[in-house]
């Protein structure tokens, strides 16, 4: 059963001020008076256990969700019954935008670890966005970021070889962890190698071979899901089709 925690305005302000990625969430850049209006918008926080769904494909679209803690994956079910991972989302990012156009969610959102989200009722968001200029501007920035990310994935899958895809993925994760105040060189991946393969359009065996090659070449050190990047420049050269100098 999903646990829902009521949110007070004071509690929301505290949460926002402590967030490592406040610029990715809707309150960023808003004035004190505008922030006071958010008690009309964020009515609850919801805790989602690992492997539980936040929502499923086909569910009615009612809200978007700001990830307050934890991480998620989104996936869709293909005609042959396989699950295709469409994205990985982290603290400070927004889930649920897939439901805006049809008013039904088009994918599943599943927690990769015990997580917590702020529930943002979309009807309230539209209403308040007409009154609060800062909120509308920030929401447009959030949507634009998602479009840019989707284009990046299309480029990744369309123009890169297997090892280049994995290198780009690891560098992207490094950048995202850095933005959250964590180490750029050492982090823990919450997703499985099979899920990484599904996202990158690669078989599990191909992902495992690429990780092994990266270790042999001294690019990374891997211990199960724990990643340590040893040669950031080497990974970048691999993507840019430049000699690695080894």
Foldseek 3Di string as FASTA:
>chain_A
DKDKAFDDLVNVVVLLVPFLPNLLDLCPPFDPVLSNVCCLWFGIKIKAAAFGWPDAFFAFQWWKKQWSAAKKWKWAQDPVGDIFTADIGGHSAMDRPCCPPPRTHHIIIGTLHTTMITTTGVVSLVVSCVVGVSSVVSVVVNVVVVVVVNVVLVCLQPPDDLLLSVLVVLQVVLVVCVSRVDHSFKDFDSDALCNVCSSNVHHSVSSVVSVVVCVVVQQWDDDHRIIGGRCNVLSVCVNVVHDSPD
